[in-house]
Protein backbone atom coordinates (compact mmCIF):
# COMPACT_ATOMS: atom_id res chain seq x y z
CA MET A 1 -11.38 -72.94 42.53
CA ARG A 2 -10.59 -74.82 39.33
CA SER A 3 -7.64 -73.73 37.21
CA GLY A 4 -8.26 -73.90 33.47
CA PRO A 5 -5.66 -74.75 30.82
CA LEU A 6 -4.97 -71.08 30.28
CA ALA A 7 -3.83 -70.60 33.87
CA GLN A 8 -1.89 -73.85 33.76
CA ALA A 9 -0.08 -72.78 30.59
CA PHE A 10 0.80 -69.43 32.11
CA PHE A 11 2.11 -71.08 35.28
CA MET A 12 4.23 -73.58 33.37
CA SER A 13 5.71 -70.85 31.15
CA ALA A 14 6.58 -68.72 34.19
CA TRP A 15 8.20 -71.69 35.96
CA ALA A 16 10.16 -72.68 32.85
CA GLY A 17 11.41 -69.12 32.46
CA HIS A 18 12.51 -68.99 36.11
CA VAL A 19 14.48 -72.25 35.87
CA HIS A 20 16.08 -71.19 32.60
CA PHE A 21 17.21 -67.84 34.02
CA LEU A 22 18.97 -69.54 36.92
CA SER A 23 21.12 -71.57 34.55
CA PHE A 24 21.51 -68.78 31.99
CA GLU A 25 22.93 -66.35 34.54
CA ARG A 26 26.08 -68.44 35.00
CA GLU A 27 26.89 -68.45 31.27
CA TYR A 28 26.10 -64.85 30.33
CA PRO A 29 26.89 -62.34 33.10
CA MET A 30 25.32 -58.91 32.96
CA THR A 31 28.72 -57.19 33.01
CA THR A 32 29.32 -57.61 29.24
CA ILE A 33 27.48 -56.21 26.22
CA ARG A 34 26.96 -59.73 24.91
CA GLY A 35 25.50 -60.78 28.24
CA ARG A 36 23.13 -57.82 28.35
CA LEU A 37 21.85 -58.50 24.82
CA ALA A 38 21.42 -62.20 25.57
CA TRP A 39 19.58 -61.40 28.80
CA LEU A 40 17.20 -59.09 26.91
CA LEU A 41 16.47 -61.87 24.42
CA GLN A 42 15.71 -64.24 27.29
CA VAL A 43 13.31 -61.70 28.83
CA LEU A 44 11.45 -61.40 25.53
CA ILE A 45 11.23 -65.20 25.27
CA CYS A 46 9.63 -65.44 28.72
CA VAL A 47 7.27 -62.56 27.93
CA GLU A 48 6.28 -64.36 24.73
CA LEU A 49 5.58 -67.60 26.62
CA ALA A 50 3.53 -65.74 29.20
CA VAL A 51 1.59 -63.71 26.62
CA LEU A 52 0.80 -66.62 24.28
CA PRO A 53 -2.09 -67.96 26.40
CA VAL A 54 -3.57 -64.47 26.61
CA ARG A 55 -3.30 -63.98 22.86
CA ALA A 56 -4.78 -67.39 22.31
CA GLN A 57 -7.80 -66.38 24.37
CA GLU A 58 -8.20 -63.01 22.65
CA ALA A 59 -7.87 -64.44 19.14
CA GLU A 60 -9.80 -67.72 19.34
CA PRO A 61 -8.34 -70.51 17.19
CA THR A 62 -10.46 -71.70 14.30
CA PRO A 63 -10.37 -75.39 13.35
CA VAL A 64 -9.33 -76.84 10.00
CA PRO A 65 -11.23 -79.89 8.80
CA GLU A 66 -9.25 -83.02 9.58
CA ALA A 67 -9.87 -86.72 9.61
CA SER A 68 -8.39 -86.91 13.12
CA THR A 69 -10.45 -86.67 16.29
CA GLU A 70 -9.11 -83.21 17.23
CA ALA A 71 -10.74 -80.20 15.60
CA ILE A 72 -8.55 -77.19 16.19
CA ALA A 73 -8.61 -75.13 12.99
CA ALA A 74 -11.11 -72.86 11.30
CA THR A 75 -13.26 -73.17 8.19
CA THR A 76 -12.64 -70.93 5.26
CA ASP A 77 -15.95 -69.10 5.63
CA GLY A 78 -14.68 -67.18 8.66
CA LEU A 79 -16.58 -68.97 11.46
CA TYR A 80 -14.72 -69.26 14.75
CA PHE A 81 -14.82 -72.11 17.26
CA ALA A 82 -14.83 -72.28 21.05
CA ASP A 83 -13.87 -75.00 23.56
CA VAL A 84 -16.36 -77.08 25.48
CA ASP A 85 -14.83 -77.66 28.94
CA VAL A 86 -15.37 -80.57 31.30
CA ARG A 87 -13.77 -80.24 34.72
CA GLY A 88 -11.61 -77.40 33.44
CA ARG A 89 -10.28 -79.29 30.40
CA PRO A 90 -11.27 -78.71 26.76
CA VAL A 91 -12.95 -81.74 25.22
CA PHE A 92 -13.88 -80.53 21.74
CA GLN A 93 -14.76 -77.35 19.90
CA VAL A 94 -18.09 -76.19 18.56
CA GLY A 95 -18.87 -73.59 15.92
CA SER A 96 -21.46 -70.86 15.83
CA LEU A 97 -25.12 -71.15 14.89
CA ALA A 98 -27.41 -68.69 13.23
CA ASP A 99 -28.53 -67.17 16.53
CA LEU A 100 -25.55 -68.06 18.76
CA SER A 101 -21.87 -67.29 18.55
CA ALA A 102 -19.38 -70.10 19.10
CA GLN A 103 -18.42 -68.71 22.50
CA GLN A 104 -22.03 -68.45 23.67
CA ARG A 105 -22.83 -71.94 22.44
CA ALA A 106 -19.77 -73.44 24.18
CA GLU A 107 -20.62 -71.66 27.43
CA ILE A 108 -24.20 -73.04 27.40
CA ILE A 109 -23.00 -76.60 26.80
CA SER A 110 -20.25 -76.34 29.44
CA ARG A 111 -22.72 -74.91 31.96
CA ARG A 112 -25.17 -77.80 31.39
CA ILE A 113 -22.41 -80.36 31.88
CA ALA A 114 -21.14 -78.58 35.01
CA GLY A 115 -24.66 -78.54 36.43
CA LEU A 116 -25.02 -82.28 36.01
CA ILE A 117 -21.58 -82.94 37.49
CA SER A 118 -22.30 -80.84 40.57
CA GLY A 119 -25.70 -82.47 41.11
CA ARG A 120 -26.46 -85.38 43.41
CA ASP A 121 -27.57 -87.82 40.72
CA THR A 122 -25.17 -90.44 39.52
CA LEU A 123 -23.94 -89.68 36.04
CA GLY A 124 -24.77 -92.16 33.34
CA GLN A 125 -23.45 -92.48 29.82
CA VAL A 126 -23.81 -89.81 27.17
CA THR A 127 -26.18 -91.12 24.50
CA VAL A 128 -26.81 -90.06 20.91
CA GLN A 129 -30.33 -89.43 19.60
CA THR A 130 -30.50 -89.05 15.82
CA ASP A 131 -33.20 -87.23 13.86
CA THR A 132 -32.71 -88.42 10.28
CA SER A 133 -35.58 -86.34 8.92
CA ARG A 134 -33.87 -83.09 9.87
CA ASN A 135 -30.33 -84.52 9.71
CA LEU A 136 -29.67 -83.60 13.38
CA ALA A 137 -28.33 -85.45 16.40
CA THR A 138 -28.57 -84.65 20.12
CA LEU A 139 -26.28 -85.65 22.96
CA GLN A 140 -28.17 -86.51 26.14
CA LEU A 141 -27.07 -87.25 29.69
CA ASN A 142 -29.45 -88.38 32.48
CA ASN A 143 -32.39 -87.61 30.17
CA ARG A 144 -31.22 -84.03 29.64
CA VAL A 145 -30.16 -82.64 26.26
CA LEU A 146 -26.60 -81.38 26.36
CA MET A 147 -26.33 -80.11 22.80
CA THR A 148 -27.55 -80.46 19.25
CA ILE A 149 -25.22 -81.43 16.41
CA THR A 150 -26.15 -79.84 13.09
CA GLN A 151 -25.21 -80.46 9.49
CA GLN A 152 -23.01 -77.35 9.71
CA ASP A 153 -20.97 -78.98 12.49
CA ALA A 154 -20.47 -82.08 10.35
CA GLU A 155 -19.39 -80.00 7.36
CA ASP A 156 -16.92 -78.05 9.48
CA TYR A 157 -15.16 -81.26 10.49
CA GLY A 158 -15.53 -83.05 7.16
CA THR A 159 -17.62 -85.95 8.46
CA SER A 160 -21.25 -87.03 8.90
CA VAL A 161 -23.59 -85.95 11.67
CA ASP A 162 -23.78 -89.49 13.10
CA ALA A 163 -20.01 -89.99 13.12
CA LEU A 164 -19.40 -86.61 14.71
CA ALA A 165 -22.08 -87.25 17.35
CA GLU A 166 -20.56 -90.63 18.26
CA ASP A 167 -17.09 -89.10 18.46
CA TRP A 168 -18.20 -86.27 20.75
CA ALA A 169 -20.27 -88.63 22.92
CA GLU A 170 -17.23 -90.88 23.38
CA ARG A 171 -15.07 -87.88 24.34
CA LEU A 172 -17.61 -86.69 26.87
CA ASN A 173 -17.90 -90.15 28.43
CA ARG A 174 -14.12 -90.35 28.80
CA SER A 175 -14.03 -86.88 30.35
CA LEU A 176 -16.91 -87.60 32.74
CA ASP A 177 -15.24 -90.76 34.02
CA LYS A 178 -13.10 -89.38 36.83
CA PRO A 179 -9.66 -90.99 36.43
CA PRO A 180 -7.19 -91.68 39.27
CA LEU A 181 -5.22 -88.72 40.52
CA ALA A 182 -1.96 -89.72 38.82
CA ILE A 183 -3.63 -90.26 35.45
CA ASP A 184 -5.55 -87.00 35.79
CA VAL A 185 -2.35 -85.08 36.53
CA VAL A 186 -0.57 -86.67 33.56
CA GLN A 187 -3.49 -85.90 31.26
CA ARG A 188 -3.62 -82.29 32.39
CA LEU A 189 0.14 -81.88 31.93
CA ASN A 190 -0.01 -83.52 28.53
CA SER A 191 -2.90 -81.33 27.41
CA THR A 192 -1.25 -78.17 28.72
CA THR A 193 2.09 -79.06 27.12
CA ARG A 194 0.51 -79.73 23.73
CA GLN A 195 -1.47 -76.52 23.90
CA LEU A 196 1.62 -74.54 24.92
CA GLY A 197 3.60 -76.16 22.10
CA ARG A 198 0.98 -75.24 19.53
CA GLN A 199 0.87 -71.69 20.78
CA ALA A 200 4.69 -71.47 20.79
CA VAL A 201 4.79 -72.61 17.17
CA ASP A 202 2.11 -70.07 16.29
CA GLY A 203 4.18 -67.39 18.01
CA ILE A 204 7.42 -68.09 16.10
CA PRO A 205 6.73 -65.37 13.48
CA ALA A 206 6.00 -62.83 16.21
CA PHE A 207 9.14 -63.82 18.09
CA ALA A 208 11.23 -63.61 14.92
CA GLY A 209 9.82 -60.15 14.24
CA ALA A 210 10.59 -59.04 17.80
CA LEU A 211 14.14 -60.40 17.45
CA ILE A 212 14.64 -58.38 14.27
CA VAL A 213 13.32 -55.27 16.05
CA ILE A 214 15.79 -55.86 18.91
CA VAL A 215 18.75 -56.14 16.54
CA ILE A 216 17.69 -53.00 14.68
CA THR A 217 17.13 -51.18 17.99
CA TRP A 218 20.59 -52.20 19.21
CA ALA A 219 22.22 -50.87 16.03
CA ILE A 220 20.23 -47.61 16.09
CA ALA A 221 20.90 -47.12 19.83
CA ARG A 222 24.65 -47.44 19.31
CA GLY A 223 24.51 -44.98 16.43
CA VAL A 224 22.43 -42.49 18.43
CA ARG A 225 24.77 -42.78 21.41
CA TYR A 226 27.81 -42.12 19.21
CA ALA A 227 26.11 -39.19 17.47
CA ALA A 228 24.90 -37.67 20.76
CA TYR A 229 28.33 -38.11 22.38
CA THR A 230 30.05 -36.53 19.37
CA TRP A 231 27.63 -33.61 19.40
CA ALA A 232 28.14 -33.16 23.16
CA GLN A 233 31.92 -33.09 22.70
CA GLN A 234 31.53 -30.19 20.29
CA THR A 235 29.06 -28.22 22.41
CA GLU A 236 29.92 -29.16 26.00
CA SER A 237 33.19 -28.77 27.83
CA ASP A 238 32.36 -31.21 30.63
CA HIS A 239 33.12 -34.88 30.04
CA SER A 240 30.47 -36.04 32.50
CA THR A 241 27.76 -34.12 30.64
CA GLU A 242 28.90 -35.68 27.39
CA ILE A 243 28.50 -39.13 28.93
CA LEU A 244 25.04 -38.23 30.26
CA ILE A 245 23.80 -37.06 26.84
CA GLY A 246 25.10 -40.23 25.19
CA ARG A 247 23.45 -42.48 27.77
CA LEU A 248 20.12 -40.66 27.60
CA GLY A 249 20.03 -41.03 23.82
CA TYR A 250 20.96 -44.71 24.08
CA GLY A 251 18.33 -45.42 26.72
CA GLY A 252 15.61 -43.50 24.88
CA VAL A 253 16.07 -45.58 21.72
CA TRP A 254 15.90 -48.79 23.77
CA VAL A 255 12.64 -47.70 25.40
CA VAL A 256 11.02 -47.07 22.01
CA GLY A 257 12.46 -50.29 20.58
CA THR A 258 11.19 -52.35 23.50
CA ILE A 259 7.66 -50.98 23.07
CA VAL A 260 7.75 -51.80 19.36
CA ALA A 261 9.10 -55.32 20.04
CA LEU A 262 6.33 -56.01 22.55
CA GLY A 263 3.80 -54.75 20.04
CA VAL A 264 5.18 -57.10 17.38
CA MET A 265 4.81 -59.97 19.84
CA GLY A 266 1.16 -59.07 20.26
CA LEU A 267 1.33 -57.50 23.70
CA ASP A 268 -0.61 -54.29 24.18
CA PHE A 269 1.76 -51.97 26.01
CA ALA A 270 -1.11 -49.83 27.31
CA ALA A 271 -2.79 -52.94 28.73
CA LEU A 272 0.51 -53.97 30.33
CA LEU A 273 0.83 -50.57 32.01
CA GLY A 274 -2.76 -50.88 33.21
CA ALA A 275 -2.01 -54.29 34.71
CA LEU A 276 1.04 -52.86 36.46
CA GLY A 277 -0.98 -49.95 37.80
CA LEU A 278 -2.16 -51.96 40.79
CA THR A 279 1.41 -52.71 41.84
CA SER A 280 2.96 -49.38 40.86
CA VAL A 281 2.57 -47.97 44.38
CA ALA A 282 4.37 -50.92 45.98
CA ILE A 283 7.07 -50.85 43.29
CA GLY A 284 7.47 -47.12 43.80
CA PHE A 285 8.02 -47.52 47.54
CA SER A 286 10.45 -50.41 47.07
CA LEU A 287 12.47 -48.56 44.43
CA LYS A 288 12.28 -45.17 46.10
CA ASP A 289 15.98 -45.02 47.01
CA VAL A 290 17.10 -46.39 43.63
CA LEU A 291 15.00 -43.89 41.67
CA SER A 292 16.10 -41.09 44.00
CA ASN A 293 19.75 -41.90 43.29
CA TYR A 294 19.17 -41.87 39.53
CA ILE A 295 17.23 -38.61 39.58
CA SER A 296 19.88 -37.03 41.80
CA GLY A 297 22.54 -38.24 39.36
CA VAL A 298 20.78 -36.55 36.44
CA ILE A 299 20.51 -33.29 38.42
CA LEU A 300 24.19 -33.43 39.44
CA LEU A 301 25.29 -34.04 35.86
CA ALA A 302 23.11 -31.18 34.67
CA ALA A 303 23.96 -28.67 37.44
CA ARG A 304 27.66 -29.67 37.52
CA PRO A 305 28.74 -28.62 41.03
CA PHE A 306 31.95 -30.51 40.29
CA ARG A 307 33.57 -32.22 37.34
CA LEU A 308 35.85 -35.18 36.74
CA GLY A 309 39.23 -34.53 38.33
CA ASP A 310 37.98 -31.92 40.82
CA GLN A 311 39.21 -32.16 44.41
CA VAL A 312 36.22 -31.91 46.71
CA VAL A 313 35.05 -32.53 50.26
CA ILE A 314 31.73 -34.41 50.56
CA GLU A 315 30.70 -34.84 54.18
CA ASP A 316 33.52 -36.90 55.77
CA TYR A 317 35.25 -37.77 52.50
CA GLU A 318 37.90 -35.70 50.71
CA GLY A 319 39.57 -36.61 47.46
CA THR A 320 39.43 -36.45 43.66
CA ILE A 321 36.29 -37.11 41.59
CA THR A 322 37.09 -40.01 39.26
CA GLN A 323 33.66 -41.01 37.96
CA ILE A 324 30.12 -39.60 37.92
CA GLN A 325 27.41 -42.16 37.17
CA LEU A 326 23.64 -41.96 37.31
CA ARG A 327 23.55 -44.00 40.52
CA ALA A 328 26.71 -43.06 42.42
CA THR A 329 29.74 -40.77 42.40
CA THR A 330 33.22 -42.29 42.73
CA LEU A 331 35.81 -40.41 44.78
CA THR A 332 39.44 -41.39 45.31
CA THR A 333 40.83 -40.17 48.62
CA TYR A 334 44.38 -38.82 49.00
CA ASN A 335 45.49 -42.03 50.65
CA GLY A 336 44.37 -44.12 47.65
CA SER A 337 41.01 -45.41 48.92
CA VAL A 338 38.05 -45.48 46.49
CA VAL A 339 34.70 -44.33 47.89
CA TYR A 340 31.35 -44.85 46.14
CA ILE A 341 28.85 -42.27 47.39
CA PRO A 342 25.16 -42.61 46.38
CA ASN A 343 24.05 -39.58 44.39
CA GLN A 344 21.18 -38.94 46.78
CA GLU A 345 23.68 -38.33 49.61
CA VAL A 346 25.86 -36.19 47.34
CA PHE A 347 22.85 -34.12 46.29
CA GLN A 348 21.78 -33.50 49.90
CA ALA A 349 25.29 -32.87 51.29
CA SER A 350 27.32 -29.68 51.41
CA VAL A 351 30.08 -30.00 48.83
CA ILE A 352 33.38 -28.07 49.08
CA ASN A 353 35.11 -27.84 45.70
CA HIS A 354 38.75 -26.87 46.23
CA THR A 355 39.55 -26.77 42.51
CA ALA A 356 36.57 -24.75 41.32
CA SER A 357 39.03 -21.85 40.86
CA GLN A 358 42.66 -21.88 39.76
CA SER A 359 44.06 -20.38 42.97
CA ARG A 360 43.55 -21.13 46.61
CA ARG A 361 44.70 -19.18 49.68
CA SER A 362 46.92 -20.79 52.26
CA SER A 363 48.10 -19.47 55.64
CA VAL A 364 50.93 -20.02 58.12
CA MET A 365 51.09 -18.93 61.79
CA VAL A 366 54.41 -17.46 62.98
CA GLY A 367 55.16 -16.44 66.60
CA ILE A 368 57.85 -13.78 67.25
CA ASP A 369 59.26 -12.38 70.48
CA TYR A 370 57.57 -9.39 72.17
CA ASP A 371 60.82 -7.42 71.90
CA ALA A 372 61.05 -7.97 68.12
CA ASP A 373 60.19 -5.22 65.63
CA ILE A 374 56.89 -6.28 64.05
CA THR A 375 57.31 -4.02 61.01
CA ARG A 376 60.75 -5.43 60.35
CA ALA A 377 59.47 -8.99 60.82
CA VAL A 378 56.67 -8.37 58.29
CA GLN A 379 59.13 -7.11 55.72
CA VAL A 380 61.37 -10.13 56.21
CA ILE A 381 58.42 -12.51 55.87
CA LEU A 382 57.14 -10.90 52.64
CA ALA A 383 60.65 -11.01 51.18
CA ALA A 384 60.90 -14.70 52.08
CA ILE A 385 57.57 -15.47 50.36
CA ALA A 386 58.78 -13.73 47.20
CA THR A 387 61.66 -16.19 46.95
CA VAL A 388 59.31 -19.20 46.73
CA GLU A 389 58.69 -20.00 43.08
CA HIS A 390 55.09 -21.34 43.27
CA ALA A 391 53.77 -18.67 45.67
CA GLN A 392 51.69 -16.28 43.55
CA ASN A 393 52.36 -12.55 43.50
CA GLU A 394 48.73 -11.77 42.68
CA PRO A 395 46.74 -11.52 44.84
CA LYS A 396 49.52 -10.12 46.98
CA PRO A 397 50.47 -11.96 50.19
CA ASP A 398 49.81 -10.20 53.47
CA VAL A 399 50.84 -10.53 57.12
CA LEU A 400 48.42 -9.77 59.97
CA VAL A 401 48.86 -9.68 63.74
CA HIS A 402 46.60 -12.51 64.68
CA GLU A 403 47.03 -12.82 68.46
CA LEU A 404 49.00 -11.49 71.41
CA ALA A 405 49.76 -14.74 73.10
CA ALA A 406 51.37 -15.33 76.49
CA SER A 407 54.94 -15.45 75.22
CA THR A 408 54.76 -14.56 71.50
CA VAL A 409 53.13 -12.20 69.05
CA ASN A 410 51.42 -14.53 66.56
CA LEU A 411 51.45 -13.35 62.95
CA GLU A 412 49.17 -14.89 60.29
CA VAL A 413 50.89 -15.11 56.92
CA ARG A 414 48.42 -15.45 54.02
CA PHE A 415 49.38 -16.15 50.41
CA TRP A 416 47.87 -17.71 47.25
CA VAL A 417 48.97 -20.93 45.56
CA ASN A 418 47.67 -23.37 42.95
CA SER A 419 44.45 -25.03 44.10
CA ARG A 420 45.61 -28.59 43.38
CA ARG A 421 46.33 -30.39 46.62
CA ALA A 422 49.85 -31.57 45.75
CA SER A 423 50.97 -28.09 44.72
CA PHE A 424 49.05 -26.53 47.62
CA LEU A 425 50.76 -28.63 50.31
CA GLN A 426 54.20 -28.43 48.73
CA THR A 427 54.11 -24.65 48.31
CA THR A 428 52.81 -24.15 51.87
CA SER A 429 55.70 -26.24 53.17
CA LEU A 430 58.26 -24.27 51.16
CA VAL A 431 56.86 -20.94 52.37
CA SER A 432 57.00 -22.07 56.01
CA GLN A 433 60.62 -23.15 55.60
CA ALA A 434 61.60 -19.88 53.90
CA ILE A 435 59.99 -17.76 56.64
CA LYS A 436 61.70 -19.70 59.42
CA GLU A 437 65.15 -19.44 57.81
CA ALA A 438 64.71 -15.71 56.99
CA LEU A 439 63.68 -14.80 60.55
CA GLN A 440 66.61 -16.72 62.01
CA LYS A 441 68.98 -15.00 59.60
CA GLU A 442 67.70 -11.57 60.71
CA ALA A 443 68.03 -12.59 64.39
CA ILE A 444 64.31 -12.28 65.03
CA GLU A 445 63.58 -14.67 67.82
CA MET A 446 60.70 -17.15 67.65
CA PRO A 447 60.44 -18.24 71.29
CA THR A 448 58.64 -21.30 72.39
CA GLU A 449 55.87 -21.27 74.93
CA ILE A 450 56.97 -20.16 78.45
CA TYR A 451 55.43 -22.03 81.33
CA THR A 452 55.61 -20.95 84.99
CA LEU A 453 55.54 -23.83 87.47
CA LEU A 454 54.32 -23.02 90.98
CA PHE A 455 54.78 -25.66 93.69
CA ARG A 456 52.39 -25.19 96.58
CA ASN A 457 52.86 -26.81 100.00
CA ALA A 458 56.19 -28.22 98.84
CA PRO A 459 58.59 -29.49 101.58
CA PRO A 460 61.61 -27.22 102.28
CA LEU A 461 64.81 -28.08 100.44
CA PRO A 462 67.92 -29.12 102.37
CA GLU A 463 70.27 -26.28 103.23
CA SER A 464 73.07 -27.77 101.11
CA VAL A 465 70.86 -27.76 98.00
CA THR A 466 69.78 -24.17 98.64
CA LYS A 467 73.38 -22.95 99.01
CA SER A 468 74.41 -24.80 95.84
CA ALA A 469 71.56 -23.23 93.83
CA GLN A 470 72.40 -19.73 95.10
CA ALA A 471 76.05 -20.19 94.14
CA THR A 472 75.07 -21.29 90.65
CA LEU A 473 72.83 -18.22 90.19
CA SER A 474 75.60 -15.95 91.40
CA GLU A 475 78.06 -17.38 88.94
CA ALA A 476 75.55 -17.02 86.13
CA GLU A 477 74.90 -13.36 87.00
CA SER A 478 78.56 -12.57 87.25
CA SER A 479 79.35 -14.15 83.93
């Protein structure tokens, strides 16, 4: 399959953009506002280079009469011109006739030349046959008429019919002579480069207009973000929601501005979406996790199961929420580690928010002796809790018999403290200390676990050891 100059121009622009991005990335990182703006400008430049060949094909260039051998502009009467191709390269341009458009005429001539090239006969030289009576000239090859040159063609290029016929015949002969590979490659590159340069110059006004639109969009987006953030501060009490509203306003303005900039550059946004339709399924599958994280982030910021500064438990992680972004949630654990959790996992996980309310209940287990007075022990414990400053009186603390263990009666002491972890742990520690000291002061024993050791099939002890043990027990009983 032959690749025409349009495809070559598109390929060269894409390759140039790729090489430029590799070097540009080192100078302008994406982490700064300046870098992001510069990167967006570079994207628009590459889009412009890629779209220029397409625009050139949609809006066919019209030649301007010149004395040079290249006819690339249009006459003032509105007639358009089309390229005559030989082996995928444009040789010259022809205008329309009374019954044929320029494009149709160029296609007929190119098809005749391609038929002769693909045939088995050896190609001769293109000859000129002049009809002075009708002021016409024909170009012939192997006794076949390739085209007819009219007086209108001569007027379009500001020359005579004979001179124009000789010029076009010479061009065709040069194009039909197959050059060596190296020369052919150089000629193709030269032709493609010149064509791309002409199209780039023609696209400077469009690029300048797109650049102006980008600057205006940047200024408007910053203003909208500030206005939206200010409005959110007055209407919302959650800082994360304020950030979300500001970012959505900022991003929305950039979407509209980008569409307008592409339109100024001559790119039909609807056509671009249609071209991307074939790959949208593959892109959707490849970006499924990324889009899921962003959508989950929007839902979390809107539903607000937690806010900045809340102390939560998310799956295996427990700590303080320090940042809520559209992609991930940042949590700082109590030992100082920073954990970035994707919003999709946060959205699907069970979240425990310890600071959703001001107060949080804590509990302490206390074991007292079976001989102790439980009612008296409960009174002592409640009095001890009342002496702790940060233990709340409402809701009132309570003491419940939790378990009759082997050697102790276990009491569960429940009381309410501030939900923040530092205050929670400190107050729980102070309550435990106060209970222990109060019970000891009231002589209420808190025995440890009693274990009974039974030795089976043990060898008998020596008689001297047995007598010594019995004497020790007797002395203990007597004392």
